[in-house]
C-alpha atoms as a PDB file:
ATOM      1  CA  MET A   1     -25.075  -6.540  12.617  1.00  0.00           C
ATOM      2  CA  THR A   2     -24.181  -4.058  15.347  1.00  0.00           C
ATOM      3  CA  ALA A   3     -23.928  -0.476  14.131  1.00  0.00           C
ATOM      4  CA  SER A   4     -20.563   1.232  14.089  1.00  0.00           C
ATOM      5  CA  THR A   5     -19.532   4.801  14.785  1.00  0.00           C
ATOM      6  CA  ILE A   6     -16.638   6.788  13.382  1.00  0.00           C
ATOM      7  CA  TRP A   7     -15.599   9.916  15.281  1.00  0.00           C
ATOM      8  CA  LEU A   8     -13.566  12.636  13.558  1.00  0.00           C
ATOM      9  CA  TRP A   9     -11.622  15.291  15.464  1.00  0.00           C
ATOM     10  CA  PRO A  10      -9.039  17.677  14.043  1.00  0.00           C
ATOM     11  CA  GLY A  11      -6.125  15.345  13.277  1.00  0.00           C
ATOM     12  CA  ARG A  12      -7.723  12.253  14.828  1.00  0.00           C
ATOM     13  CA  ALA A  13     -10.250   9.539  13.990  1.00  0.00           C
ATOM     14  CA  ALA A  14     -11.696   6.605  15.932  1.00  0.00           C
ATOM     15  CA  TYR A  15     -13.897   3.637  15.047  1.00  0.00           C
ATOM     16  CA  LEU A  16     -16.006   1.463  17.338  1.00  0.00           C
ATOM     17  CA  GLY A  17     -18.045  -1.324  15.882  1.00  0.00           C
ATOM     18  CA  PRO A  18     -18.056  -4.828  14.569  1.00  0.00           C
ATOM     19  CA  SER A  19     -14.814  -6.182  13.254  1.00  0.00           C
ATOM     20  CA  LEU A  20     -14.616  -5.867   9.511  1.00  0.00           C
ATOM     21  CA  ARG A  21     -12.699  -7.985   7.074  1.00  0.00           C
ATOM     22  CA  LEU A  22      -9.529  -5.975   6.520  1.00  0.00           C
ATOM     23  CA  ASP A  23      -6.845  -6.568   3.939  1.00  0.00           C
ATOM     24  CA  ALA A  24      -3.210  -5.876   4.767  1.00  0.00           C
ATOM     25  CA  HIS A  25      -2.700  -2.118   5.032  1.00  0.00           C
ATOM     26  CA  SER A  26      -0.527   0.618   6.523  1.00  0.00           C
ATOM     27  CA  THR A  27      -1.812   3.734   8.198  1.00  0.00           C
ATOM     28  CA  ALA A  28      -0.457   7.271   7.902  1.00  0.00           C
ATOM     29  CA  VAL A  29      -0.481   7.886  11.673  1.00  0.00           C
ATOM     30  CA  PRO A  30      -0.185   5.498  14.629  1.00  0.00           C
ATOM     31  CA  CYS A  31      -3.176   3.205  15.117  1.00  0.00           C
ATOM     32  CA  TYR A  32      -4.228   1.942  18.515  1.00  0.00           C
ATOM     33  CA  ALA A  33      -6.275  -1.240  18.006  1.00  0.00           C
ATOM     34  CA  VAL A  34      -8.266  -2.904  20.778  1.00  0.00           C
ATOM     35  CA  GLY A  35     -10.384  -6.039  20.689  1.00  0.00           C
ATOM     36  CA  VAL A  36     -13.312  -4.841  22.794  1.00  0.00           C
ATOM     37  CA  ASP A  37     -15.052  -8.197  23.191  1.00  0.00           C
ATOM     38  CA  GLU A  38     -12.206 -10.598  22.463  1.00  0.00           C
ATOM     39  CA  PRO A  39      -8.558 -10.718  21.360  1.00  0.00           C
ATOM     40  CA  PHE A  40      -7.661 -10.528  17.673  1.00  0.00           C
ATOM     41  CA  HIS A  41      -4.807 -11.695  15.465  1.00  0.00           C
ATOM     42  CA  LEU A  42      -2.267  -9.120  14.342  1.00  0.00           C
ATOM     43  CA  THR A  43       0.253  -9.966  11.634  1.00  0.00           C
ATOM     44  CA  VAL A  44       3.295  -7.729  11.139  1.00  0.00           C
ATOM     45  CA  ALA A  45       6.376  -8.709   9.093  1.00  0.00           C
ATOM     46  CA  GLY A  46       5.089 -12.263   8.740  1.00  0.00           C
ATOM     47  CA  VAL A  47       4.681 -12.764  12.509  1.00  0.00           C
ATOM     48  CA  ARG A  48       1.116 -13.509  13.625  1.00  0.00           C
ATOM     49  CA  ARG A  49       0.170 -12.924  17.261  1.00  0.00           C
ATOM     50  CA  ARG A  50      -3.046 -13.096  19.237  1.00  0.00           C
ATOM     51  CA  VAL A  51      -3.399  -9.836  21.182  1.00  0.00           C
ATOM     52  CA  ARG A  52      -6.023  -7.834  23.027  1.00  0.00           C
ATOM     53  CA  GLY A  53      -4.572  -4.484  21.965  1.00  0.00           C
ATOM     54  CA  ALA A  54      -1.659  -3.024  20.036  1.00  0.00           C
ATOM     55  CA  ARG A  55      -0.083   0.232  18.925  1.00  0.00           C
ATOM     56  CA  ILE A  56       0.747  -0.041  15.250  1.00  0.00           C
ATOM     57  CA  PRO A  57       3.290   2.532  14.021  1.00  0.00           C
ATOM     58  CA  PRO A  58       2.555   4.531  10.872  1.00  0.00           C
ATOM     59  CA  ARG A  59       3.734   3.087   7.568  1.00  0.00           C
ATOM     60  CA  THR A  60       3.811  -0.443   9.043  1.00  0.00           C
ATOM     61  CA  VAL A  61       2.104  -2.994   6.817  1.00  0.00           C
ATOM     62  CA  HIS A  62      -0.116  -5.134   9.016  1.00  0.00           C
ATOM     63  CA  ARG A  63      -3.205  -7.293   8.944  1.00  0.00           C
ATOM     64  CA  ILE A  64      -5.862  -7.582  11.622  1.00  0.00           C
ATOM     65  CA  GLU A  65      -8.079 -10.648  11.797  1.00  0.00           C
ATOM     66  CA  ALA A  66     -10.821 -10.469  14.378  1.00  0.00           C
ATOM     67  CA  GLY A  67     -13.779 -12.611  15.333  1.00  0.00           C
ATOM     68  CA  PRO A  68     -17.366 -11.433  15.467  1.00  0.00           C
ATOM     69  CA  GLY A  69     -16.802  -9.079  18.407  1.00  0.00           C
ATOM     70  CA  ARG A  70     -16.355  -5.328  18.381  1.00  0.00           C
ATOM     71  CA  MET A  71     -13.102  -3.543  17.612  1.00  0.00           C
ATOM     72  CA  PHE A  72     -11.921  -0.084  18.583  1.00  0.00           C
ATOM     73  CA  PHE A  73      -9.386   1.769  16.421  1.00  0.00           C
ATOM     74  CA  ASP A  74      -7.878   5.142  17.343  1.00  0.00           C
ATOM     75  CA  TYR A  75      -5.773   6.945  14.720  1.00  0.00           C
ATOM     76  CA  ARG A  76      -3.717   9.949  15.843  1.00  0.00           C
ATOM     77  CA  ILE A  77      -0.349  11.516  16.450  1.00  0.00           C
ATOM     78  CA  ALA A  78       0.080  11.817  20.198  1.00  0.00           C
ATOM     79  CA  GLY A  79       0.762  15.348  21.342  1.00  0.00           C
ATOM     80  CA  THR A  80       1.731  18.517  19.545  1.00  0.00           C
ATOM     81  CA  PRO A  81       5.111  18.750  17.809  1.00  0.00           C
ATOM     82  CA  ALA A  82       7.678  20.682  19.861  1.00  0.00           C
ATOM     83  CA  ASP A  83       8.776  22.660  16.807  1.00  0.00           C
ATOM     84  CA  ALA A  84       6.257  25.465  16.262  1.00  0.00           C
ATOM     85  CA  ARG A  85       6.891  25.432  12.494  1.00  0.00           C
ATOM     86  CA  ILE A  86       5.827  21.790  12.233  1.00  0.00           C
ATOM     87  CA  ALA A  87       2.833  22.361  14.515  1.00  0.00           C
ATOM     88  CA  GLU A  88       1.735  25.159  12.149  1.00  0.00           C
ATOM     89  CA  VAL A  89       2.159  22.856   9.135  1.00  0.00           C
ATOM     90  CA  LEU A  90      -0.150  20.308  10.789  1.00  0.00           C
ATOM     91  CA  ARG A  91      -2.765  23.017  11.475  1.00  0.00           C
ATOM     92  CA  THR A  92      -2.549  24.254   7.877  1.00  0.00           C
ATOM     93  CA  LEU A  93      -2.845  20.759   6.414  1.00  0.00           C
ATOM     94  CA  LEU A  94      -5.834  19.928   8.592  1.00  0.00           C
ATOM     95  CA  ALA A  95      -7.562  23.230   7.799  1.00  0.00           C
ATOM     96  CA  ASP A  96      -7.416  22.786   4.019  1.00  0.00           C
ATOM     97  CA  PRO A  97      -5.369  19.880   2.682  1.00  0.00           C
ATOM     98  CA  ALA A  98      -6.572  20.433  -0.886  1.00  0.00           C
ATOM     99  CA  ASP A  99      -5.070  23.932  -1.122  1.00  0.00           C
ATOM    100  CA  ALA A 100      -2.134  23.634   1.278  1.00  0.00           C
ATOM    101  CA  PRO A 101       1.316  24.046  -0.278  1.00  0.00           C
ATOM    102  CA  GLY A 102       3.587  21.093  -0.874  1.00  0.00           C
ATOM    103  CA  ALA A 103       6.699  20.235   1.085  1.00  0.00           C
ATOM    104  CA  ALA A 104       8.815  22.749  -0.848  1.00  0.00           C
ATOM    105  CA  GLY A 105       6.359  25.562  -0.046  1.00  0.00           C
ATOM    106  CA  PHE A 106       6.243  24.724   3.643  1.00  0.00           C
ATOM    107  CA  ALA A 107      10.039  24.389   3.729  1.00  0.00           C
ATOM    108  CA  ALA A 108      10.516  27.819   2.168  1.00  0.00           C
ATOM    109  CA  ALA A 109       8.038  29.403   4.610  1.00  0.00           C
ATOM    110  CA  ALA A 110       9.962  27.824   7.517  1.00  0.00           C
ATOM    111  CA  GLY A 111      13.344  28.938   6.143  1.00  0.00           C
ATOM    112  CA  LEU A 112      14.506  25.355   5.633  1.00  0.00           C
ATOM    113  CA  SER A 113      15.686  23.288   2.691  1.00  0.00           C
ATOM    114  CA  THR A 114      13.105  20.786   1.519  1.00  0.00           C
ATOM    115  CA  SER A 115      15.205  17.837   2.688  1.00  0.00           C
ATOM    116  CA  ARG A 116      15.727  19.387   6.149  1.00  0.00           C
ATOM    117  CA  PHE A 117      12.007  20.170   6.403  1.00  0.00           C
ATOM    118  CA  LEU A 118      11.057  16.584   5.495  1.00  0.00           C
ATOM    119  CA  HIS A 119      13.520  15.198   8.047  1.00  0.00           C
ATOM    120  CA  LEU A 120      12.257  17.559  10.772  1.00  0.00           C
ATOM    121  CA  PHE A 121       8.622  16.775   9.940  1.00  0.00           C
ATOM    122  CA  ALA A 122       9.222  13.022  10.262  1.00  0.00           C
ATOM    123  CA  ALA A 123      11.211  13.454  13.489  1.00  0.00           C
ATOM    124  CA  GLN A 124       8.456  15.603  15.056  1.00  0.00           C
ATOM    125  CA  THR A 125       5.432  13.569  13.927  1.00  0.00           C
ATOM    126  CA  GLY A 126       6.654  10.010  13.462  1.00  0.00           C
ATOM    127  CA  THR A 127       5.326   9.899   9.907  1.00  0.00           C
ATOM    128  CA  SER A 128       6.234  11.355   6.543  1.00  0.00           C
ATOM    129  CA  PHE A 129       4.919  14.646   5.187  1.00  0.00           C
ATOM    130  CA  ARG A 130       3.323  12.849   2.226  1.00  0.00           C
ATOM    131  CA  ARG A 131       1.522  10.351   4.447  1.00  0.00           C
ATOM    132  CA  TYR A 132       0.317  13.028   6.863  1.00  0.00           C
ATOM    133  CA  ARG A 133      -1.028  15.118   3.982  1.00  0.00           C
ATOM    134  CA  LEU A 134      -2.885  12.038   2.799  1.00  0.00           C
ATOM    135  CA  TRP A 135      -4.214  11.589   6.364  1.00  0.00           C
ATOM    136  CA  ALA A 136      -5.441  15.210   6.398  1.00  0.00           C
ATOM    137  CA  ARG A 137      -7.212  14.583   3.091  1.00  0.00           C
ATOM    138  CA  MET A 138      -8.884  11.467   4.500  1.00  0.00           C
ATOM    139  CA  LEU A 139     -10.149  13.466   7.471  1.00  0.00           C
ATOM    140  CA  ARG A 140     -11.459  16.201   5.158  1.00  0.00           C
ATOM    141  CA  ALA A 141     -13.275  13.578   3.078  1.00  0.00           C
ATOM    142  CA  GLY A 142     -14.770  12.132   6.270  1.00  0.00           C
ATOM    143  CA  HIS A 143     -16.068  15.565   7.272  1.00  0.00           C
ATOM    144  CA  ALA A 144     -17.646  15.985   3.831  1.00  0.00           C
ATOM    145  CA  LEU A 145     -19.339  12.586   4.165  1.00  0.00           C
ATOM    146  CA  ALA A 146     -20.580  13.441   7.662  1.00  0.00           C
ATOM    147  CA  ALA A 147     -22.115  16.616   6.219  1.00  0.00           C
ATOM    148  CA  GLY A 148     -24.109  14.510   3.746  1.00  0.00           C
ATOM    149  CA  GLY A 149     -21.796  14.585   0.720  1.00  0.00           C
ATOM    150  CA  ASP A 150     -21.294  11.591  -1.518  1.00  0.00           C
ATOM    151  CA  LEU A 151     -17.958   9.849  -2.064  1.00  0.00           C
ATOM    152  CA  THR A 152     -17.250  11.658  -5.343  1.00  0.00           C
ATOM    153  CA  ARG A 153     -17.808  15.124  -3.857  1.00  0.00           C
ATOM    154  CA  ALA A 154     -15.920  14.198  -0.665  1.00  0.00           C
ATOM    155  CA  ALA A 155     -12.914  13.045  -2.705  1.00  0.00           C
ATOM    156  CA  ALA A 156     -12.872  16.287  -4.719  1.00  0.00           C
ATOM    157  CA  ASP A 157     -13.290  18.489  -1.629  1.00  0.00           C
ATOM    158  CA  ALA A 158     -10.346  16.742   0.024  1.00  0.00           C
ATOM    159  CA  GLY A 159      -8.044  17.283  -2.956  1.00  0.00           C
ATOM    160  CA  PHE A 160      -7.885  13.763  -4.380  1.00  0.00           C
ATOM    161  CA  ALA A 161      -7.172  13.649  -8.112  1.00  0.00           C
ATOM    162  CA  SER A 162     -10.186  11.402  -8.716  1.00  0.00           C
ATOM    163  CA  PRO A 163     -12.678   9.201  -6.870  1.00  0.00           C
ATOM    164  CA  SER A 164     -10.581   6.162  -7.780  1.00  0.00           C
ATOM    165  CA  HIS A 165      -7.475   7.809  -6.260  1.00  0.00           C
ATOM    166  CA  PHE A 166      -9.456   8.354  -3.047  1.00  0.00           C
ATOM    167  CA  SER A 167     -10.757   4.767  -3.106  1.00  0.00           C
ATOM    168  CA  ASP A 168      -7.307   3.262  -3.698  1.00  0.00           C
ATOM    169  CA  SER A 169      -5.736   5.453  -0.996  1.00  0.00           C
ATOM    170  CA  PHE A 170      -8.481   4.591   1.499  1.00  0.00           C
ATOM    171  CA  HIS A 171      -8.018   0.852   0.861  1.00  0.00           C
ATOM    172  CA  THR A 172      -4.236   1.132   1.231  1.00  0.00           C
ATOM    173  CA  MET A 173      -4.596   3.038   4.510  1.00  0.00           C
ATOM    174  CA  PHE A 174      -7.459   1.126   6.157  1.00  0.00           C
ATOM    175  CA  GLY A 175      -7.650  -2.295   4.463  1.00  0.00           C
ATOM    176  CA  LEU A 176     -11.121  -1.857   2.951  1.00  0.00           C
ATOM    177  CA  THR A 177     -12.881   0.592   0.672  1.00  0.00           C
ATOM    178  CA  ALA A 178     -14.813   3.600   1.925  1.00  0.00           C
ATOM    179  CA  SER A 179     -17.924   2.319   0.160  1.00  0.00           C
ATOM    180  CA  THR A 180     -17.640  -1.005   2.034  1.00  0.00           C
ATOM    181  CA  LEU A 181     -17.313   0.838   5.336  1.00  0.00           C
ATOM    182  CA  LEU A 182     -20.312   3.062   4.589  1.00  0.00           C
ATOM    183  CA  ALA A 183     -22.382   0.116   3.322  1.00  0.00           C
ATOM    184  CA  ALA A 184     -21.839  -1.534   6.726  1.00  0.00           C
ATOM    185  CA  GLY A 185     -23.949   1.272   8.216  1.00  0.00           C
ATOM    186  CA  SER A 186     -21.199   3.299   9.838  1.00  0.00           C
ATOM    187  CA  ARG A 187     -22.320   6.571  11.376  1.00  0.00           C
ATOM    188  CA  ILE A 188     -19.836   9.471  11.141  1.00  0.00           C
ATOM    189  CA  VAL A 189     -19.728  11.989  13.977  1.00  0.00           C
ATOM    190  CA  THR A 190     -17.591  15.129  13.805  1.00  0.00           C
ATOM    191  CA  VAL A 191     -16.207  16.514  17.054  1.00  0.00           C
ATOM    192  CA  GLY A 192     -14.724  20.006  17.270  1.00  0.00           C
ATOM    193  CA  GLU A 193     -13.660  22.252  14.430  1.00  0.00           C
ATOM    194  CA  ARG A 194     -11.995  21.011  11.270  1.00  0.00           C
END
């Protein structure tokens, strides 16, 4: 089996490697999927298409079925939010998602009601606050794994309630478990500061 690499940047992750068997899932941020060696099948809302590449919006349940060739996945929010308050929230969540305040705390700091903050966050990022916080936790766990931590320690460092919460969340977001991905020999490379 060809080795795979996972790159982690602040707010972004990418995977290049053999296609893996993925269950239906929905990501927290947009996913750009490319069949490097051959097209793949993408199923969204019951419609199955053969494509070479696709942009899959966050919170869209989808399934990817690929042949034996390599796949490239890029997970990220394009650009920086225009509203400086939301840009600061993203920086804070990425810096320490385990200790960052909740939506009500961020809303109060920005001088907004919680409902207005949540609406503004979604409008500026294209995803929900809850899903982006989960994304930030996944990235933090990935950094802990890249530094040599085990899954249990990585889950705790990222602020997950338990290793099973991390495992369930990872499967829901990526269509496979973190242990399956790591068992496939994936190498994790961190790029830039957390």
